Amino acid sequence: MGRHWFNPAVYVETDRAGHSYAVTSVEKAAELLMAWPERSNEWEEAFRACAAAVHGKKSADEARIAFEKAAAAANRLILTTVG
């Protein structure tokens, strides 16, 4: 089974001060979610969306949007501008 890619990537802060990470797949989003101590409603929705996307029940884009919301709720989302 291949990866389920995000387009565009979601940029999040890491636990290391000054470091960020570009999340480019559903699988990496789920891995990061498991490591976050913040477990909000948005976190639960994002984790369910990632699991559903891996099993073909949701799109990678739906999982990306849910992951962005969870990252924002955890104050980890880095807003980027294109162009």
N, C-alpha and C. Protein backbone atom coordinates (compact mmCIF):
# COMPACT_ATOMS: atom_id res chain seq x y z
N MET A 1 0.84 -1.17 0.00
CA MET A 1 0.00 0.00 0.00
C MET A 1 0.89 1.24 0.00
N GLY A 2 0.59 2.20 -0.88
CA GLY A 2 1.39 3.41 -0.98
C GLY A 2 0.97 4.47 0.00
N ARG A 3 1.75 5.52 0.01
CA ARG A 3 1.44 6.66 0.88
C ARG A 3 0.26 7.43 0.31
N HIS A 4 -0.40 8.15 1.18
CA HIS A 4 -1.51 9.02 0.83
C HIS A 4 -1.01 10.45 1.02
N TRP A 5 -0.67 11.12 -0.08
CA TRP A 5 0.06 12.38 -0.04
C TRP A 5 -0.84 13.58 0.21
N PHE A 6 -0.29 14.56 0.94
CA PHE A 6 -0.94 15.85 1.16
C PHE A 6 -0.47 16.82 0.08
N ASN A 7 -1.39 17.61 -0.44
CA ASN A 7 -1.03 18.67 -1.36
C ASN A 7 -1.96 19.84 -1.11
N PRO A 8 -1.47 20.89 -0.49
CA PRO A 8 -0.10 21.17 -0.11
C PRO A 8 0.26 20.52 1.23
N ALA A 9 1.54 20.59 1.55
CA ALA A 9 2.01 20.09 2.83
C ALA A 9 1.46 20.97 3.96
N VAL A 10 1.41 20.41 5.15
CA VAL A 10 1.01 21.16 6.35
C VAL A 10 2.27 21.35 7.20
N TYR A 11 2.58 22.59 7.53
CA TYR A 11 3.78 22.88 8.31
C TYR A 11 3.41 23.03 9.78
N VAL A 12 4.14 22.30 10.62
CA VAL A 12 3.87 22.32 12.06
C VAL A 12 5.16 22.54 12.83
N GLU A 13 5.00 23.11 14.02
CA GLU A 13 6.13 23.25 14.92
C GLU A 13 6.41 21.91 15.58
N THR A 14 7.68 21.67 15.85
CA THR A 14 8.06 20.45 16.56
C THR A 14 8.28 20.78 18.03
N ASP A 15 8.62 19.79 18.81
CA ASP A 15 8.89 20.01 20.23
C ASP A 15 10.23 20.70 20.45
N ARG A 16 11.06 20.74 19.41
CA ARG A 16 12.35 21.43 19.50
C ARG A 16 12.15 22.89 19.11
N ALA A 17 12.52 23.79 19.97
CA ALA A 17 12.33 25.23 19.73
C ALA A 17 12.98 25.64 18.40
N GLY A 18 12.23 26.37 17.61
CA GLY A 18 12.75 26.89 16.35
C GLY A 18 12.74 25.91 15.19
N HIS A 19 12.22 24.72 15.39
CA HIS A 19 12.19 23.72 14.33
C HIS A 19 10.77 23.47 13.87
N SER A 20 10.64 23.31 12.56
CA SER A 20 9.32 23.00 11.99
C SER A 20 9.44 21.76 11.12
N TYR A 21 8.29 21.25 10.73
CA TYR A 21 8.26 20.02 9.93
C TYR A 21 7.16 20.15 8.89
N ALA A 22 7.47 19.76 7.66
CA ALA A 22 6.48 19.74 6.60
C ALA A 22 5.85 18.35 6.57
N VAL A 23 4.57 18.28 6.90
CA VAL A 23 3.84 17.01 6.90
C VAL A 23 3.27 16.81 5.51
N THR A 24 3.71 15.75 4.84
CA THR A 24 3.35 15.56 3.43
C THR A 24 2.48 14.34 3.18
N SER A 25 2.12 13.61 4.23
CA SER A 25 1.30 12.41 4.01
C SER A 25 0.38 12.14 5.20
N VAL A 26 -0.67 11.40 4.90
CA VAL A 26 -1.61 10.97 5.94
C VAL A 26 -0.87 10.15 7.00
N GLU A 27 0.00 9.27 6.55
CA GLU A 27 0.71 8.39 7.47
C GLU A 27 1.59 9.17 8.43
N LYS A 28 2.29 10.20 7.94
CA LYS A 28 3.15 11.02 8.80
C LYS A 28 2.29 11.85 9.76
N ALA A 29 1.15 12.33 9.27
CA ALA A 29 0.23 13.09 10.15
C ALA A 29 -0.22 12.21 11.31
N ALA A 30 -0.62 10.98 11.02
CA ALA A 30 -1.06 10.06 12.08
C ALA A 30 0.06 9.78 13.06
N GLU A 31 1.28 9.60 12.55
CA GLU A 31 2.44 9.35 13.42
C GLU A 31 2.67 10.54 14.36
N LEU A 32 2.61 11.75 13.81
CA LEU A 32 2.80 12.93 14.65
C LEU A 32 1.68 13.10 15.66
N LEU A 33 0.45 12.87 15.23
CA LEU A 33 -0.68 12.97 16.16
C LEU A 33 -0.48 12.06 17.37
N MET A 34 0.01 10.87 17.14
CA MET A 34 0.22 9.93 18.25
C MET A 34 1.25 10.45 19.25
N ALA A 35 2.17 11.30 18.80
CA ALA A 35 3.21 11.81 19.68
C ALA A 35 2.79 13.08 20.43
N TRP A 36 1.69 13.71 20.01
CA TRP A 36 1.26 14.95 20.65
C TRP A 36 0.55 14.66 21.96
N PRO A 37 0.91 15.40 23.03
CA PRO A 37 0.20 15.21 24.29
C PRO A 37 -1.19 15.86 24.28
N GLU A 38 -1.40 16.83 23.37
CA GLU A 38 -2.68 17.53 23.29
C GLU A 38 -3.71 16.61 22.63
N ARG A 39 -4.78 16.27 23.32
CA ARG A 39 -5.81 15.37 22.79
C ARG A 39 -7.17 16.07 22.82
N SER A 40 -7.37 16.99 21.91
CA SER A 40 -8.61 17.76 21.83
C SER A 40 -9.62 17.05 20.93
N ASN A 41 -10.80 17.63 20.82
CA ASN A 41 -11.79 17.10 19.87
C ASN A 41 -11.24 17.13 18.45
N GLU A 42 -10.49 18.19 18.11
CA GLU A 42 -9.88 18.29 16.79
C GLU A 42 -8.85 17.19 16.58
N TRP A 43 -8.10 16.86 17.64
CA TRP A 43 -7.13 15.77 17.55
C TRP A 43 -7.85 14.46 17.22
N GLU A 44 -8.94 14.18 17.93
CA GLU A 44 -9.68 12.94 17.71
C GLU A 44 -10.23 12.88 16.29
N GLU A 45 -10.78 14.01 15.82
CA GLU A 45 -11.32 14.05 14.46
C GLU A 45 -10.21 13.82 13.43
N ALA A 46 -9.06 14.43 13.65
CA ALA A 46 -7.94 14.27 12.72
C ALA A 46 -7.44 12.83 12.71
N PHE A 47 -7.34 12.23 13.87
CA PHE A 47 -6.85 10.85 13.92
C PHE A 47 -7.82 9.90 13.22
N ARG A 48 -9.12 10.12 13.44
CA ARG A 48 -10.13 9.30 12.75
C ARG A 48 -10.08 9.52 11.24
N ALA A 49 -9.88 10.77 10.82
CA ALA A 49 -9.81 11.08 9.39
C ALA A 49 -8.59 10.43 8.75
N CYS A 50 -7.46 10.43 9.46
CA CYS A 50 -6.25 9.79 8.92
C CYS A 50 -6.48 8.28 8.79
N ALA A 51 -7.05 7.67 9.80
CA ALA A 51 -7.32 6.22 9.74
C ALA A 51 -8.27 5.90 8.59
N ALA A 52 -9.30 6.73 8.42
CA ALA A 52 -10.27 6.50 7.35
C ALA A 52 -9.60 6.66 5.98
N ALA A 53 -8.70 7.63 5.85
CA ALA A 53 -8.02 7.84 4.58
C ALA A 53 -7.12 6.66 4.23
N VAL A 54 -6.42 6.13 5.21
CA VAL A 54 -5.56 4.97 4.98
C VAL A 54 -6.38 3.78 4.48
N HIS A 55 -7.62 3.67 4.97
CA HIS A 55 -8.48 2.56 4.59
C HIS A 55 -9.41 2.88 3.43
N GLY A 56 -9.17 4.01 2.75
CA GLY A 56 -9.93 4.35 1.56
C GLY A 56 -11.33 4.88 1.81
N LYS A 57 -11.63 5.26 3.04
CA LYS A 57 -12.98 5.74 3.38
C LYS A 57 -13.08 7.27 3.35
N LYS A 58 -11.94 7.96 3.34
CA LYS A 58 -11.87 9.41 3.20
C LYS A 58 -10.69 9.72 2.28
N SER A 59 -10.70 10.92 1.75
CA SER A 59 -9.59 11.33 0.88
C SER A 59 -8.43 11.86 1.71
N ALA A 60 -7.26 11.91 1.10
CA ALA A 60 -6.10 12.50 1.76
C ALA A 60 -6.37 13.98 2.05
N ASP A 61 -7.10 14.64 1.16
CA ASP A 61 -7.41 16.05 1.37
C ASP A 61 -8.29 16.25 2.60
N GLU A 62 -9.26 15.37 2.82
CA GLU A 62 -10.10 15.46 4.02
C GLU A 62 -9.26 15.27 5.27
N ALA A 63 -8.32 14.33 5.22
CA ALA A 63 -7.43 14.09 6.36
C ALA A 63 -6.51 15.29 6.58
N ARG A 64 -6.02 15.90 5.49
CA ARG A 64 -5.15 17.07 5.61
C ARG A 64 -5.88 18.23 6.28
N ILE A 65 -7.11 18.47 5.89
CA ILE A 65 -7.89 19.56 6.48
C ILE A 65 -8.12 19.30 7.98
N ALA A 66 -8.45 18.08 8.33
CA ALA A 66 -8.66 17.74 9.75
C ALA A 66 -7.35 17.87 10.53
N PHE A 67 -6.23 17.45 9.92
CA PHE A 67 -4.93 17.57 10.58
C PHE A 67 -4.58 19.04 10.80
N GLU A 68 -4.84 19.89 9.81
CA GLU A 68 -4.59 21.32 9.97
C GLU A 68 -5.36 21.89 11.15
N LYS A 69 -6.62 21.49 11.29
CA LYS A 69 -7.45 21.96 12.41
C LYS A 69 -6.88 21.50 13.74
N ALA A 70 -6.41 20.26 13.79
CA ALA A 70 -5.83 19.73 15.03
C ALA A 70 -4.53 20.46 15.36
N ALA A 71 -3.72 20.73 14.35
CA ALA A 71 -2.47 21.46 14.57
C ALA A 71 -2.75 22.87 15.06
N ALA A 72 -3.77 23.52 14.50
CA ALA A 72 -4.13 24.86 14.95
C ALA A 72 -4.62 24.83 16.40
N ALA A 73 -5.45 23.85 16.74
CA ALA A 73 -5.97 23.73 18.11
C ALA A 73 -4.85 23.49 19.11
N ALA A 74 -3.78 22.81 18.67
CA ALA A 74 -2.64 22.52 19.55
C ALA A 74 -1.57 23.62 19.49
N ASN A 75 -1.88 24.71 18.78
CA ASN A 75 -0.91 25.81 18.60
C ASN A 75 0.38 25.33 17.96
N ARG A 76 0.27 24.42 17.01
CA ARG A 76 1.43 23.89 16.31
C ARG A 76 1.44 24.26 14.82
N LEU A 77 0.34 24.77 14.31
CA LEU A 77 0.24 25.08 12.90
C LEU A 77 1.07 26.29 12.54
N ILE A 78 1.85 26.18 11.47
CA ILE A 78 2.61 27.31 10.93
C ILE A 78 1.94 27.70 9.62
N LEU A 79 1.42 28.92 9.60
CA LEU A 79 0.76 29.41 8.39
C LEU A 79 1.80 29.81 7.38
N THR A 80 1.60 29.39 6.15
CA THR A 80 2.52 29.74 5.07
C THR A 80 1.76 30.46 3.99
N THR A 81 2.48 31.23 3.23
CA THR A 81 1.88 31.90 2.08
C THR A 81 2.58 31.42 0.82
N VAL A 82 1.83 31.33 -0.23
CA VAL A 82 2.38 30.88 -1.50
C VAL A 82 2.47 32.09 -2.41
N GLY A 83 3.60 32.19 -3.14
CA GLY A 83 3.75 33.26 -4.12
C GLY A 83 4.43 34.38 -3.52
